[in-house]
N, C-alpha and C. Protein backbone atom coordinates (compact mmCIF):
# COMPACT_ATOMS: atom_id res chain seq x y z
N MET A 1 48.29 31.48 -96.62
CA MET A 1 47.43 32.44 -95.94
C MET A 1 47.75 32.38 -94.44
N ASN A 2 47.86 33.56 -93.84
CA ASN A 2 48.19 33.56 -92.42
C ASN A 2 46.93 33.31 -91.57
N PRO A 3 47.10 32.91 -90.33
CA PRO A 3 45.95 32.57 -89.47
C PRO A 3 44.98 33.73 -89.26
N ALA A 4 45.47 34.96 -89.25
CA ALA A 4 44.58 36.11 -89.07
C ALA A 4 43.63 36.25 -90.26
N GLU A 5 44.16 36.10 -91.46
CA GLU A 5 43.31 36.17 -92.65
C GLU A 5 42.36 34.99 -92.70
N ASN A 6 42.83 33.84 -92.29
CA ASN A 6 42.00 32.65 -92.23
C ASN A 6 40.82 32.85 -91.27
N TYR A 7 41.09 33.47 -90.12
CA TYR A 7 40.04 33.78 -89.14
C TYR A 7 38.94 34.60 -89.80
N ILE A 8 39.33 35.63 -90.54
CA ILE A 8 38.37 36.52 -91.19
C ILE A 8 37.55 35.76 -92.23
N LEU A 9 38.23 35.00 -93.08
CA LEU A 9 37.54 34.31 -94.17
C LEU A 9 36.64 33.17 -93.71
N GLN A 10 36.89 32.63 -92.53
CA GLN A 10 36.07 31.53 -92.03
C GLN A 10 34.84 31.98 -91.24
N GLN A 11 34.68 33.28 -91.06
CA GLN A 11 33.52 33.77 -90.32
C GLN A 11 32.26 33.68 -91.17
N PRO A 12 31.13 33.39 -90.54
CA PRO A 12 29.86 33.42 -91.28
C PRO A 12 29.46 34.88 -91.55
N GLU A 13 28.55 35.06 -92.48
CA GLU A 13 28.01 36.40 -92.73
C GLU A 13 27.08 36.78 -91.58
N PRO A 14 26.96 38.02 -91.23
CA PRO A 14 27.54 39.22 -91.84
C PRO A 14 28.94 39.55 -91.31
N TYR A 15 29.45 38.74 -90.36
CA TYR A 15 30.74 39.03 -89.74
C TYR A 15 31.88 39.10 -90.75
N LYS A 16 31.89 38.16 -91.69
CA LYS A 16 32.96 38.13 -92.68
C LYS A 16 33.02 39.42 -93.50
N SER A 17 31.88 39.88 -93.98
CA SER A 17 31.85 41.11 -94.79
C SER A 17 32.30 42.32 -93.98
N ILE A 18 31.88 42.39 -92.72
CA ILE A 18 32.28 43.51 -91.86
C ILE A 18 33.79 43.47 -91.64
N LEU A 19 34.31 42.29 -91.30
CA LEU A 19 35.74 42.14 -91.06
C LEU A 19 36.56 42.47 -92.29
N LEU A 20 36.12 42.03 -93.46
CA LEU A 20 36.85 42.33 -94.70
C LEU A 20 36.86 43.83 -94.99
N GLN A 21 35.73 44.49 -94.77
CA GLN A 21 35.66 45.94 -94.99
C GLN A 21 36.60 46.67 -94.03
N LEU A 22 36.60 46.26 -92.76
CA LEU A 22 37.49 46.88 -91.78
C LEU A 22 38.95 46.64 -92.15
N GLN A 23 39.25 45.43 -92.59
CA GLN A 23 40.62 45.09 -92.98
C GLN A 23 41.09 46.00 -94.12
N VAL A 24 40.26 46.18 -95.13
CA VAL A 24 40.61 47.03 -96.27
C VAL A 24 40.85 48.47 -95.81
N LEU A 25 39.94 49.00 -94.99
CA LEU A 25 40.07 50.38 -94.53
C LEU A 25 41.33 50.58 -93.69
N ILE A 26 41.60 49.64 -92.80
CA ILE A 26 42.78 49.75 -91.93
C ILE A 26 44.06 49.66 -92.74
N GLU A 27 44.15 48.65 -93.58
CA GLU A 27 45.39 48.43 -94.33
C GLU A 27 45.64 49.51 -95.38
N TYR A 28 44.58 50.09 -95.92
CA TYR A 28 44.73 51.19 -96.87
C TYR A 28 45.20 52.46 -96.14
N SER A 29 44.64 52.71 -94.97
CA SER A 29 44.96 53.92 -94.22
C SER A 29 46.32 53.87 -93.54
N PHE A 30 46.78 52.65 -93.26
CA PHE A 30 48.06 52.47 -92.56
C PHE A 30 48.91 51.44 -93.31
N PRO A 31 49.59 51.85 -94.37
CA PRO A 31 50.34 50.91 -95.21
C PRO A 31 51.43 50.14 -94.46
N ASP A 32 51.96 50.70 -93.39
CA ASP A 32 53.05 50.04 -92.65
C ASP A 32 52.55 49.16 -91.51
N ILE A 33 51.25 49.01 -91.38
CA ILE A 33 50.68 48.22 -90.29
C ILE A 33 50.94 46.73 -90.53
N GLU A 34 51.07 45.98 -89.45
CA GLU A 34 51.35 44.55 -89.56
C GLU A 34 50.22 43.74 -88.93
N LEU A 35 49.65 42.82 -89.70
CA LEU A 35 48.57 41.97 -89.21
C LEU A 35 49.16 40.67 -88.67
N LYS A 36 48.86 40.40 -87.40
CA LYS A 36 49.30 39.16 -86.76
C LYS A 36 48.08 38.43 -86.22
N TYR A 37 48.32 37.23 -85.75
CA TYR A 37 47.26 36.44 -85.13
C TYR A 37 47.66 36.23 -83.67
N LYS A 38 47.05 37.00 -82.77
CA LYS A 38 47.37 36.93 -81.34
C LYS A 38 46.08 36.75 -80.56
N TYR A 39 46.15 36.01 -79.49
CA TYR A 39 44.99 35.80 -78.62
C TYR A 39 43.80 35.21 -79.40
N ARG A 40 44.12 34.45 -80.46
CA ARG A 40 43.14 33.77 -81.31
C ARG A 40 42.26 34.71 -82.12
N ILE A 41 42.75 35.94 -82.35
CA ILE A 41 42.04 36.92 -83.18
C ILE A 41 43.05 37.72 -84.01
N PRO A 42 42.60 38.37 -85.09
CA PRO A 42 43.49 39.24 -85.86
C PRO A 42 43.87 40.47 -85.03
N PHE A 43 45.15 40.74 -84.97
CA PHE A 43 45.66 41.84 -84.16
C PHE A 43 46.64 42.66 -85.00
N TYR A 44 46.38 43.96 -85.11
CA TYR A 44 47.27 44.83 -85.87
C TYR A 44 48.32 45.44 -84.96
N TYR A 45 49.54 45.56 -85.52
CA TYR A 45 50.66 46.13 -84.80
C TYR A 45 51.21 47.33 -85.58
N ILE A 46 51.57 48.38 -84.85
CA ILE A 46 52.24 49.55 -85.43
C ILE A 46 53.58 49.69 -84.71
N LYS A 47 54.63 49.83 -85.48
CA LYS A 47 55.98 49.98 -84.92
C LYS A 47 56.30 48.87 -83.92
N GLY A 48 55.80 47.68 -84.20
CA GLY A 48 56.08 46.52 -83.35
C GLY A 48 55.26 46.45 -82.08
N LYS A 49 54.29 47.37 -81.92
CA LYS A 49 53.48 47.40 -80.70
C LYS A 49 52.01 47.16 -81.03
N PRO A 50 51.27 46.49 -80.12
CA PRO A 50 49.85 46.23 -80.35
C PRO A 50 49.07 47.53 -80.58
N PHE A 51 48.24 47.53 -81.62
CA PHE A 51 47.49 48.74 -81.99
C PHE A 51 45.98 48.52 -81.86
N CYS A 52 45.46 47.55 -82.60
CA CYS A 52 44.02 47.27 -82.52
C CYS A 52 43.76 45.83 -82.94
N TYR A 53 42.61 45.32 -82.54
CA TYR A 53 42.24 43.95 -82.89
C TYR A 53 40.85 43.92 -83.50
N LEU A 54 40.57 42.84 -84.20
CA LEU A 54 39.25 42.59 -84.78
C LEU A 54 38.69 41.33 -84.14
N ASN A 55 37.46 41.41 -83.66
CA ASN A 55 36.86 40.26 -83.02
C ASN A 55 35.39 40.15 -83.41
N ALA A 56 35.00 39.00 -83.93
CA ALA A 56 33.60 38.74 -84.25
C ALA A 56 32.94 38.10 -83.03
N SER A 57 32.02 38.82 -82.43
CA SER A 57 31.30 38.30 -81.26
C SER A 57 29.97 37.74 -81.73
N HIS A 58 29.92 36.44 -81.92
CA HIS A 58 28.69 35.79 -82.39
C HIS A 58 27.61 35.87 -81.32
N LYS A 59 28.01 35.75 -80.08
CA LYS A 59 27.05 35.79 -78.97
C LYS A 59 26.36 37.16 -78.90
N ARG A 60 27.13 38.22 -79.04
CA ARG A 60 26.57 39.57 -78.93
C ARG A 60 26.18 40.16 -80.28
N GLN A 61 26.53 39.46 -81.34
CA GLN A 61 26.14 39.79 -82.71
C GLN A 61 26.70 41.12 -83.21
N TYR A 62 28.01 41.30 -83.05
CA TYR A 62 28.68 42.46 -83.62
C TYR A 62 30.15 42.13 -83.86
N VAL A 63 30.79 42.99 -84.64
CA VAL A 63 32.23 42.92 -84.82
C VAL A 63 32.81 44.08 -84.03
N ASP A 64 33.79 43.77 -83.24
CA ASP A 64 34.44 44.73 -82.36
C ASP A 64 35.82 45.05 -82.90
N ILE A 65 36.12 46.32 -83.06
CA ILE A 65 37.49 46.72 -83.35
C ILE A 65 37.98 47.40 -82.08
N GLY A 66 38.79 46.66 -81.34
CA GLY A 66 39.31 47.14 -80.07
C GLY A 66 40.59 47.92 -80.29
N ILE A 67 40.64 49.10 -79.72
CA ILE A 67 41.78 49.99 -79.91
C ILE A 67 42.56 50.05 -78.60
N VAL A 68 43.82 49.63 -78.66
CA VAL A 68 44.63 49.49 -77.46
C VAL A 68 44.71 50.79 -76.66
N LYS A 69 44.98 51.90 -77.29
CA LYS A 69 45.07 53.18 -76.57
C LYS A 69 43.80 54.01 -76.76
N GLY A 70 42.70 53.32 -76.94
CA GLY A 70 41.42 53.98 -77.20
C GLY A 70 40.93 54.86 -76.07
N GLY A 71 41.32 54.55 -74.85
CA GLY A 71 40.90 55.36 -73.72
C GLY A 71 41.45 56.77 -73.74
N GLU A 72 42.48 57.01 -74.53
CA GLU A 72 43.11 58.33 -74.64
C GLU A 72 42.46 59.19 -75.72
N ILE A 73 41.62 58.59 -76.54
CA ILE A 73 41.03 59.29 -77.68
C ILE A 73 39.91 60.22 -77.21
N GLN A 74 39.98 61.46 -77.66
CA GLN A 74 38.99 62.46 -77.27
C GLN A 74 38.04 62.85 -78.41
N ILE A 75 38.22 62.27 -79.58
CA ILE A 75 37.32 62.59 -80.70
C ILE A 75 36.34 61.44 -80.89
N HIS A 76 35.17 61.76 -81.39
CA HIS A 76 34.13 60.76 -81.69
C HIS A 76 33.82 59.86 -80.49
N LYS A 77 33.86 60.42 -79.31
CA LYS A 77 33.63 59.63 -78.10
C LYS A 77 32.24 59.00 -78.08
N GLU A 78 31.30 59.61 -78.80
CA GLU A 78 29.94 59.07 -78.85
C GLU A 78 29.89 57.73 -79.58
N HIS A 79 30.93 57.42 -80.35
CA HIS A 79 31.00 56.15 -81.08
C HIS A 79 31.83 55.10 -80.35
N LEU A 80 32.62 55.53 -79.39
CA LEU A 80 33.53 54.62 -78.69
C LEU A 80 32.85 53.97 -77.50
N VAL A 81 33.11 52.68 -77.35
CA VAL A 81 32.57 51.91 -76.23
C VAL A 81 33.74 51.55 -75.32
N THR A 82 33.62 51.93 -74.05
CA THR A 82 34.71 51.63 -73.11
C THR A 82 34.33 50.53 -72.13
N GLU A 83 33.06 50.40 -71.79
CA GLU A 83 32.59 49.37 -70.86
C GLU A 83 33.49 49.23 -69.64
N LYS A 84 33.68 50.32 -68.94
CA LYS A 84 34.45 50.34 -67.70
C LYS A 84 35.94 50.06 -67.90
N ARG A 85 36.41 50.15 -69.12
CA ARG A 85 37.84 49.98 -69.40
C ARG A 85 38.48 51.37 -69.44
N LYS A 86 39.67 51.49 -68.88
CA LYS A 86 40.35 52.78 -68.86
C LYS A 86 41.32 52.94 -70.02
N VAL A 87 41.89 51.85 -70.47
CA VAL A 87 42.90 51.92 -71.53
C VAL A 87 42.30 51.64 -72.90
N MET A 88 41.48 50.62 -73.00
CA MET A 88 40.91 50.18 -74.28
C MET A 88 39.59 50.91 -74.58
N ALA A 89 39.28 51.00 -75.86
CA ALA A 89 37.98 51.45 -76.33
C ALA A 89 37.69 50.68 -77.62
N SER A 90 36.43 50.59 -77.98
CA SER A 90 36.04 49.82 -79.16
C SER A 90 35.08 50.60 -80.03
N LEU A 91 35.11 50.25 -81.30
CA LEU A 91 34.07 50.63 -82.24
C LEU A 91 33.38 49.32 -82.61
N ARG A 92 32.06 49.32 -82.62
CA ARG A 92 31.32 48.08 -82.86
C ARG A 92 30.38 48.22 -84.04
N TYR A 93 30.30 47.13 -84.81
CA TYR A 93 29.49 47.15 -86.02
C TYR A 93 28.65 45.89 -86.14
N LYS A 94 27.37 46.08 -86.48
CA LYS A 94 26.46 44.95 -86.67
C LYS A 94 26.21 44.66 -88.15
N LYS A 95 26.55 45.64 -89.01
CA LYS A 95 26.42 45.44 -90.45
C LYS A 95 27.40 46.35 -91.18
N VAL A 96 27.74 45.98 -92.39
CA VAL A 96 28.70 46.73 -93.19
C VAL A 96 28.23 48.17 -93.36
N GLU A 97 26.96 48.37 -93.58
CA GLU A 97 26.42 49.71 -93.80
C GLU A 97 26.59 50.60 -92.56
N GLY A 98 26.81 50.01 -91.42
CA GLY A 98 26.99 50.78 -90.19
C GLY A 98 28.39 51.33 -90.02
N ILE A 99 29.31 50.94 -90.89
CA ILE A 99 30.70 51.42 -90.79
C ILE A 99 30.78 52.83 -91.37
N ASN A 100 31.14 53.77 -90.53
CA ASN A 100 31.36 55.14 -90.96
C ASN A 100 32.86 55.27 -91.20
N ASP A 101 33.27 55.22 -92.46
CA ASP A 101 34.69 55.24 -92.82
C ASP A 101 35.42 56.43 -92.19
N LYS A 102 34.80 57.60 -92.26
CA LYS A 102 35.44 58.82 -91.75
C LYS A 102 35.72 58.71 -90.25
N VAL A 103 34.73 58.28 -89.49
CA VAL A 103 34.89 58.14 -88.04
C VAL A 103 35.96 57.10 -87.73
N LEU A 104 35.88 55.95 -88.38
CA LEU A 104 36.84 54.87 -88.14
C LEU A 104 38.27 55.36 -88.39
N ILE A 105 38.50 55.95 -89.53
CA ILE A 105 39.86 56.38 -89.89
C ILE A 105 40.35 57.50 -88.98
N GLU A 106 39.49 58.45 -88.65
CA GLU A 106 39.91 59.53 -87.75
C GLU A 106 40.26 59.00 -86.37
N VAL A 107 39.46 58.07 -85.86
CA VAL A 107 39.74 57.48 -84.54
C VAL A 107 41.06 56.71 -84.58
N LEU A 108 41.25 55.90 -85.62
CA LEU A 108 42.48 55.12 -85.71
C LEU A 108 43.71 56.02 -85.91
N LYS A 109 43.57 57.07 -86.69
CA LYS A 109 44.71 57.99 -86.88
C LYS A 109 45.06 58.69 -85.57
N LYS A 110 44.05 59.04 -84.80
CA LYS A 110 44.32 59.64 -83.49
C LYS A 110 45.04 58.63 -82.59
N ALA A 111 44.57 57.40 -82.57
CA ALA A 111 45.21 56.36 -81.77
C ALA A 111 46.65 56.13 -82.23
N ALA A 112 46.88 56.15 -83.53
CA ALA A 112 48.23 55.93 -84.07
C ALA A 112 49.18 57.06 -83.67
N SER A 113 48.63 58.23 -83.44
CA SER A 113 49.48 59.37 -83.06
C SER A 113 50.09 59.19 -81.67
N PHE A 114 49.60 58.25 -80.88
CA PHE A 114 50.14 57.98 -79.55
C PHE A 114 51.36 57.05 -79.59
N TYR A 115 51.71 56.57 -80.78
CA TYR A 115 52.85 55.64 -80.91
C TYR A 115 54.08 56.36 -81.38
């Protein structure tokens, strides 16, 4: 098992369930995506370049999917969190039921179009 998968499986609930659901959605939607372990978190790469990361923030109590070119995305902006970042944007989830598959996939597909 690679360190990125280990990171996901070692998280307490509800973080583990959220991360697993995100992993399934991402890997199903992007069959050529590569999961690595960078900066001590799971990081997805497209065409050899950083694409998005998964981070369980226990302190803030959410799972963050940070999108490297998220600042360029013009769809579903009401769901994206930039927090004064110009390049990155995030989608954040506090529970599995809060994951809107359609929004997540559309945002990620738009981000992938920049590669």
